[in-house]
Amino acid sequence: MKKLCVVLFVAILGITAAAIAQEDTTTYDFEDDLVKGDLVRPDGENLLVRRRGARESLIKIREHFIPELLKSVEDL
């Protein structure tokens, strides 16, 4: 079993070393192209908006939910 693990480890190590050794380089050569453009900005003024204040949650936790649930089941 140990020999099989060692053989597999060496095989995987050899495959990865071979993959690393094959370096494909890609070179992109762009000619000198002139790009013309204008700065585009929105027309108008910047708006300053006040942040909303902290509000408490509208979700109310029902403290007696489980006892009420058990009462409703007792009547069945």
N, C-alpha and C. Protein backbone atom coordinates (compact mmCIF):
# COMPACT_ATOMS: atom_id res chain seq x y z
N MET A 1 0.83 -1.19 0.00
CA MET A 1 0.00 0.00 0.00
C MET A 1 0.87 1.25 0.00
N LYS A 2 1.95 1.20 0.80
CA LYS A 2 2.85 2.36 0.86
C LYS A 2 3.51 2.59 -0.49
N LYS A 3 3.87 1.48 -1.17
CA LYS A 3 4.52 1.62 -2.46
C LYS A 3 3.58 2.26 -3.48
N LEU A 4 2.31 1.90 -3.42
CA LEU A 4 1.34 2.46 -4.34
C LEU A 4 1.17 3.96 -4.09
N CYS A 5 1.13 4.36 -2.84
CA CYS A 5 1.01 5.78 -2.51
C CYS A 5 2.23 6.56 -2.98
N VAL A 6 3.41 5.98 -2.80
CA VAL A 6 4.64 6.64 -3.22
C VAL A 6 4.66 6.77 -4.74
N VAL A 7 4.27 5.74 -5.44
CA VAL A 7 4.24 5.76 -6.91
C VAL A 7 3.26 6.81 -7.41
N LEU A 8 2.08 6.89 -6.79
CA LEU A 8 1.10 7.89 -7.19
C LEU A 8 1.61 9.30 -6.92
N PHE A 9 2.25 9.49 -5.76
CA PHE A 9 2.78 10.80 -5.43
C PHE A 9 3.85 11.23 -6.43
N VAL A 10 4.75 10.32 -6.79
CA VAL A 10 5.81 10.64 -7.75
C VAL A 10 5.21 10.92 -9.12
N ALA A 11 4.18 10.18 -9.50
CA ALA A 11 3.55 10.39 -10.81
C ALA A 11 2.88 11.76 -10.87
N ILE A 12 2.16 12.11 -9.80
CA ILE A 12 1.50 13.42 -9.78
C ILE A 12 2.53 14.53 -9.77
N LEU A 13 3.59 14.35 -9.01
CA LEU A 13 4.66 15.35 -8.96
C LEU A 13 5.32 15.51 -10.33
N GLY A 14 5.52 14.43 -11.04
CA GLY A 14 6.12 14.49 -12.38
C GLY A 14 5.21 15.18 -13.38
N ILE A 15 3.91 14.92 -13.29
CA ILE A 15 2.96 15.54 -14.22
C ILE A 15 2.90 17.05 -13.99
N THR A 16 2.86 17.46 -12.72
CA THR A 16 2.80 18.90 -12.43
C THR A 16 4.09 19.59 -12.83
N ALA A 17 5.23 18.92 -12.65
CA ALA A 17 6.50 19.52 -13.05
C ALA A 17 6.56 19.70 -14.57
N ALA A 18 6.03 18.73 -15.30
CA ALA A 18 6.00 18.83 -16.76
C ALA A 18 5.07 19.95 -17.22
N ALA A 19 3.96 20.12 -16.51
CA ALA A 19 3.02 21.18 -16.88
C ALA A 19 3.62 22.55 -16.60
N ILE A 20 4.37 22.67 -15.53
CA ILE A 20 5.00 23.95 -15.20
C ILE A 20 6.12 24.27 -16.19
N ALA A 21 6.82 23.24 -16.67
CA ALA A 21 7.94 23.45 -17.57
C ALA A 21 7.48 23.98 -18.94
N GLN A 22 6.26 23.67 -19.33
CA GLN A 22 5.75 24.12 -20.62
C GLN A 22 5.10 25.50 -20.45
N GLU A 23 5.89 26.52 -20.59
CA GLU A 23 5.38 27.87 -20.46
C GLU A 23 5.04 28.41 -21.84
N ASP A 24 3.79 28.70 -22.05
CA ASP A 24 3.35 29.32 -23.30
C ASP A 24 3.25 30.81 -23.05
N THR A 25 3.96 31.57 -23.83
CA THR A 25 3.89 33.01 -23.67
C THR A 25 3.10 33.59 -24.82
N THR A 26 2.23 34.52 -24.51
CA THR A 26 1.42 35.19 -25.50
C THR A 26 1.81 36.65 -25.50
N THR A 27 2.10 37.16 -26.64
CA THR A 27 2.49 38.56 -26.75
C THR A 27 1.45 39.29 -27.59
N TYR A 28 0.98 40.41 -27.06
CA TYR A 28 0.04 41.26 -27.78
C TYR A 28 0.76 42.52 -28.20
N ASP A 29 0.69 42.83 -29.46
CA ASP A 29 1.33 44.03 -29.97
C ASP A 29 0.25 44.94 -30.53
N PHE A 30 0.03 46.06 -29.87
CA PHE A 30 -0.95 47.02 -30.33
C PHE A 30 -0.22 48.14 -31.04
N GLU A 31 -0.73 48.49 -32.19
CA GLU A 31 -0.13 49.60 -32.92
C GLU A 31 -0.50 50.89 -32.22
N ASP A 32 0.18 51.97 -32.57
CA ASP A 32 -0.11 53.27 -31.96
C ASP A 32 -1.42 53.80 -32.52
N ASP A 33 -2.48 53.63 -31.78
CA ASP A 33 -3.78 54.14 -32.16
C ASP A 33 -4.11 55.33 -31.29
N LEU A 34 -4.58 56.39 -31.91
CA LEU A 34 -4.96 57.59 -31.18
C LEU A 34 -6.42 57.48 -30.79
N VAL A 35 -6.68 57.64 -29.51
CA VAL A 35 -8.04 57.57 -29.00
C VAL A 35 -8.45 58.98 -28.60
N LYS A 36 -9.53 59.47 -29.20
CA LYS A 36 -10.01 60.80 -28.87
C LYS A 36 -11.33 60.68 -28.12
N GLY A 37 -11.53 61.58 -27.18
CA GLY A 37 -12.79 61.54 -26.43
C GLY A 37 -12.91 62.76 -25.56
N ASP A 38 -14.12 63.00 -25.09
CA ASP A 38 -14.39 64.12 -24.21
C ASP A 38 -14.79 63.58 -22.85
N LEU A 39 -14.59 64.42 -21.86
CA LEU A 39 -15.01 64.07 -20.52
C LEU A 39 -16.52 64.27 -20.43
N VAL A 40 -17.23 63.21 -20.07
CA VAL A 40 -18.68 63.27 -20.03
C VAL A 40 -19.11 63.38 -18.57
N ARG A 41 -19.86 64.43 -18.25
CA ARG A 41 -20.38 64.64 -16.91
C ARG A 41 -21.87 64.92 -17.00
N PRO A 42 -22.60 64.60 -15.95
CA PRO A 42 -24.02 64.92 -15.98
C PRO A 42 -24.24 66.42 -15.84
N ASP A 43 -25.28 66.91 -16.49
CA ASP A 43 -25.63 68.32 -16.37
C ASP A 43 -26.41 68.54 -15.09
N GLY A 44 -26.21 69.65 -14.45
CA GLY A 44 -26.99 69.97 -13.26
C GLY A 44 -26.12 70.05 -12.03
N GLU A 45 -26.79 70.16 -10.92
CA GLU A 45 -26.12 70.33 -9.64
C GLU A 45 -26.07 69.01 -8.88
N ASN A 46 -25.10 68.93 -7.99
CA ASN A 46 -25.05 67.79 -7.09
C ASN A 46 -26.06 67.99 -5.97
N LEU A 47 -26.75 66.93 -5.60
CA LEU A 47 -27.76 67.00 -4.56
C LEU A 47 -27.20 66.45 -3.26
N LEU A 48 -27.43 67.16 -2.19
CA LEU A 48 -27.04 66.67 -0.87
C LEU A 48 -28.30 66.18 -0.18
N VAL A 49 -28.27 64.93 0.26
CA VAL A 49 -29.44 64.32 0.87
C VAL A 49 -29.11 63.97 2.30
N ARG A 50 -30.03 64.32 3.21
CA ARG A 50 -29.82 63.97 4.61
C ARG A 50 -30.06 62.48 4.81
N ARG A 51 -29.30 61.91 5.71
CA ARG A 51 -29.50 60.50 6.02
C ARG A 51 -30.73 60.34 6.89
N ARG A 52 -31.36 59.21 6.75
CA ARG A 52 -32.54 58.92 7.56
C ARG A 52 -32.11 58.62 8.99
N GLY A 53 -32.94 58.97 9.91
CA GLY A 53 -32.66 58.70 11.31
C GLY A 53 -32.89 57.24 11.65
N ALA A 54 -32.39 56.86 12.78
CA ALA A 54 -32.57 55.48 13.22
C ALA A 54 -34.02 55.27 13.66
N ARG A 55 -34.61 54.20 13.19
CA ARG A 55 -35.99 53.88 13.53
C ARG A 55 -36.04 52.53 14.20
N GLU A 56 -36.98 52.36 15.07
CA GLU A 56 -37.12 51.06 15.71
C GLU A 56 -37.87 50.11 14.78
N SER A 57 -37.69 48.85 15.00
CA SER A 57 -38.27 47.84 14.14
C SER A 57 -39.79 47.81 14.29
N LEU A 58 -40.48 47.55 13.22
CA LEU A 58 -41.93 47.41 13.24
C LEU A 58 -42.37 45.99 13.58
N ILE A 59 -41.42 45.08 13.68
CA ILE A 59 -41.73 43.69 14.00
C ILE A 59 -41.80 43.56 15.52
N LYS A 60 -42.93 43.09 16.00
CA LYS A 60 -43.13 42.90 17.43
C LYS A 60 -43.00 41.41 17.74
N ILE A 61 -42.18 41.08 18.72
CA ILE A 61 -41.99 39.69 19.11
C ILE A 61 -43.11 39.30 20.06
N ARG A 62 -43.80 38.23 19.72
CA ARG A 62 -44.91 37.74 20.56
C ARG A 62 -44.34 36.86 21.66
N GLU A 63 -44.40 37.34 22.87
CA GLU A 63 -43.81 36.62 24.01
C GLU A 63 -44.62 35.39 24.39
N HIS A 64 -45.93 35.41 24.16
CA HIS A 64 -46.79 34.32 24.58
C HIS A 64 -47.20 33.44 23.41
N PHE A 65 -46.41 33.36 22.40
CA PHE A 65 -46.78 32.63 21.19
C PHE A 65 -46.89 31.13 21.44
N ILE A 66 -45.89 30.54 22.06
CA ILE A 66 -45.88 29.09 22.26
C ILE A 66 -47.02 28.65 23.18
N PRO A 67 -47.24 29.31 24.32
CA PRO A 67 -48.39 28.89 25.14
C PRO A 67 -49.73 29.03 24.40
N GLU A 68 -49.89 30.09 23.59
CA GLU A 68 -51.12 30.24 22.83
C GLU A 68 -51.25 29.14 21.78
N LEU A 69 -50.14 28.75 21.18
CA LEU A 69 -50.15 27.68 20.20
C LEU A 69 -50.55 26.36 20.84
N LEU A 70 -50.01 26.08 22.01
CA LEU A 70 -50.35 24.84 22.71
C LEU A 70 -51.82 24.84 23.13
N LYS A 71 -52.37 25.97 23.54
CA LYS A 71 -53.79 26.05 23.90
C LYS A 71 -54.68 25.75 22.70
N SER A 72 -54.30 26.24 21.54
CA SER A 72 -55.12 26.01 20.35
C SER A 72 -55.10 24.55 19.93
N VAL A 73 -54.02 23.83 20.22
CA VAL A 73 -53.93 22.41 19.86
C VAL A 73 -54.70 21.54 20.84
N GLU A 74 -54.80 21.97 22.08
CA GLU A 74 -55.51 21.17 23.09
C GLU A 74 -56.98 21.00 22.75
N ASP A 75 -57.56 21.96 22.07
CA ASP A 75 -58.98 21.91 21.77
C ASP A 75 -59.32 20.96 20.61
N LEU A 76 -58.30 20.49 19.89
CA LEU A 76 -58.57 19.62 18.75
C LEU A 76 -58.91 18.28 19.23
